């Protein structure tokens, strides 16, 4: 089951990470992704084992094109992706992508 579109009242801009070059990271063309942003602090363990504080959590459709190294912009501010969790809730709850950002 998908997240109802009426719930996804915010938008983030995602620039997919393409790799690094001599000048730093390279990103692809920006894509607008509908989402719901919850601005609440919570502790997050990153992929390298560090514990950081996420300032916001972004909820999007399960197939949203958001990865750990992508560049996200929300309300004109570039935010760092700390963790991405997939929630495949089965039949009774919506499948979603949970993205914790700094």
Protein backbone atom coordinates (compact mmCIF):
# COMPACT_ATOMS: atom_id res chain seq x y z
CA UNK A 1 0.00 0.00 0.00
CA UNK A 2 1.30 3.48 -0.93
CA UNK A 3 1.35 6.57 1.27
CA UNK A 4 -1.75 8.67 0.40
CA UNK A 5 -0.74 11.64 -1.77
CA UNK A 6 -2.77 13.98 0.46
CA UNK A 7 -0.31 13.30 3.30
CA UNK A 8 2.76 14.29 1.28
CA UNK A 9 2.35 18.06 1.71
CA UNK A 10 6.02 19.07 1.43
CA UNK A 11 8.60 18.81 -1.34
CA UNK A 12 12.34 18.13 -1.23
CA UNK A 13 14.73 18.57 -4.12
CA UNK A 14 16.97 15.55 -4.65
CA UNK A 15 20.18 15.68 -6.66
CA UNK A 16 21.39 12.09 -7.13
CA UNK A 17 25.02 11.42 -6.27
CA UNK A 18 26.96 10.44 -9.41
CA UNK A 19 30.41 9.96 -7.92
CA UNK A 20 33.42 12.08 -7.14
CA UNK A 21 35.73 14.03 -9.38
CA UNK A 22 38.87 16.07 -8.91
CA UNK A 23 36.66 18.96 -7.78
CA UNK A 24 34.55 17.00 -5.30
CA UNK A 25 31.23 15.17 -5.49
CA UNK A 26 29.19 15.21 -8.70
CA UNK A 27 25.40 15.29 -8.68
CA UNK A 28 22.78 14.67 -11.33
CA UNK A 29 19.89 16.91 -12.32
CA UNK A 30 17.50 17.87 -9.50
CA UNK A 31 14.23 16.00 -9.00
CA UNK A 32 11.29 17.24 -6.92
CA UNK A 33 10.02 14.57 -4.49
CA UNK A 34 6.70 14.91 -2.62
CA UNK A 35 7.09 14.08 1.06
CA UNK A 36 6.09 14.80 4.63
CA UNK A 37 8.76 16.47 6.78
CA UNK A 38 8.63 16.08 10.56
CA UNK A 39 10.94 18.54 12.27
CA UNK A 40 11.74 16.66 15.45
CA UNK A 41 15.16 15.86 16.88
CA UNK A 42 16.09 12.22 17.31
CA UNK A 43 19.21 10.16 17.73
CA UNK A 44 20.36 8.27 14.61
CA UNK A 45 23.10 5.70 14.06
CA UNK A 46 24.82 6.30 10.72
CA UNK A 47 26.10 3.61 8.35
CA UNK A 48 29.61 4.05 9.75
CA UNK A 49 28.43 3.52 13.35
CA UNK A 50 28.43 7.13 14.56
CA UNK A 51 25.51 8.40 16.62
CA UNK A 52 24.27 11.82 15.49
CA UNK A 53 21.18 13.94 16.07
CA UNK A 54 18.79 14.22 13.14
CA UNK A 55 16.91 17.51 13.02
CA UNK A 56 14.19 16.29 10.66
CA UNK A 57 12.69 13.10 9.30
CA UNK A 58 11.43 12.96 5.73
CA UNK A 59 8.71 10.44 4.83
CA UNK A 60 8.24 9.66 1.13
CA UNK A 61 6.94 6.92 -1.13
CA UNK A 62 8.95 3.71 -0.92
CA UNK A 63 10.18 4.16 -4.51
CA UNK A 64 11.35 7.77 -3.99
CA UNK A 65 14.82 8.29 -5.52
CA UNK A 66 16.66 9.18 -2.31
CA UNK A 67 20.00 7.65 -1.33
CA UNK A 68 22.55 8.16 1.43
CA UNK A 69 24.96 10.25 -0.65
CA UNK A 70 22.39 12.32 -2.53
CA UNK A 71 22.14 16.07 -1.98
CA UNK A 72 18.76 17.15 -0.58
CA UNK A 73 17.39 20.66 -0.38
CA UNK A 74 14.43 21.55 1.83
CA UNK A 75 13.13 25.11 2.25
CA UNK A 76 16.19 26.47 0.47
CA UNK A 77 18.64 24.70 2.76
CA UNK A 78 20.90 21.79 1.78
CA UNK A 79 20.58 19.02 4.37
CA UNK A 80 22.87 16.04 4.96
CA UNK A 81 21.31 12.58 4.72
CA UNK A 82 22.21 10.61 7.84
CA UNK A 83 20.18 7.43 7.32
CA UNK A 84 17.62 5.95 4.94
CA UNK A 85 15.20 3.26 6.13
CA UNK A 86 12.73 1.33 4.01
CA UNK A 87 9.43 0.40 5.64
CA UNK A 88 7.53 -2.30 3.80
CA UNK A 89 4.54 -2.51 6.10
CA UNK A 90 2.68 -5.21 4.26
CA UNK A 91 -1.02 -4.86 3.56
CA UNK A 92 -2.26 -2.86 6.54
CA UNK A 93 0.25 0.01 6.71
CA UNK A 94 1.67 2.22 3.95
CA UNK A 95 5.07 1.35 2.52
CA UNK A 96 7.37 4.33 2.92
CA UNK A 97 10.91 5.60 2.85
CA UNK A 98 12.13 7.28 6.04
CA UNK A 99 15.07 9.66 5.57
CA UNK A 100 16.78 11.21 8.58
CA UNK A 101 18.58 14.48 7.84
CA UNK A 102 20.76 16.80 9.88
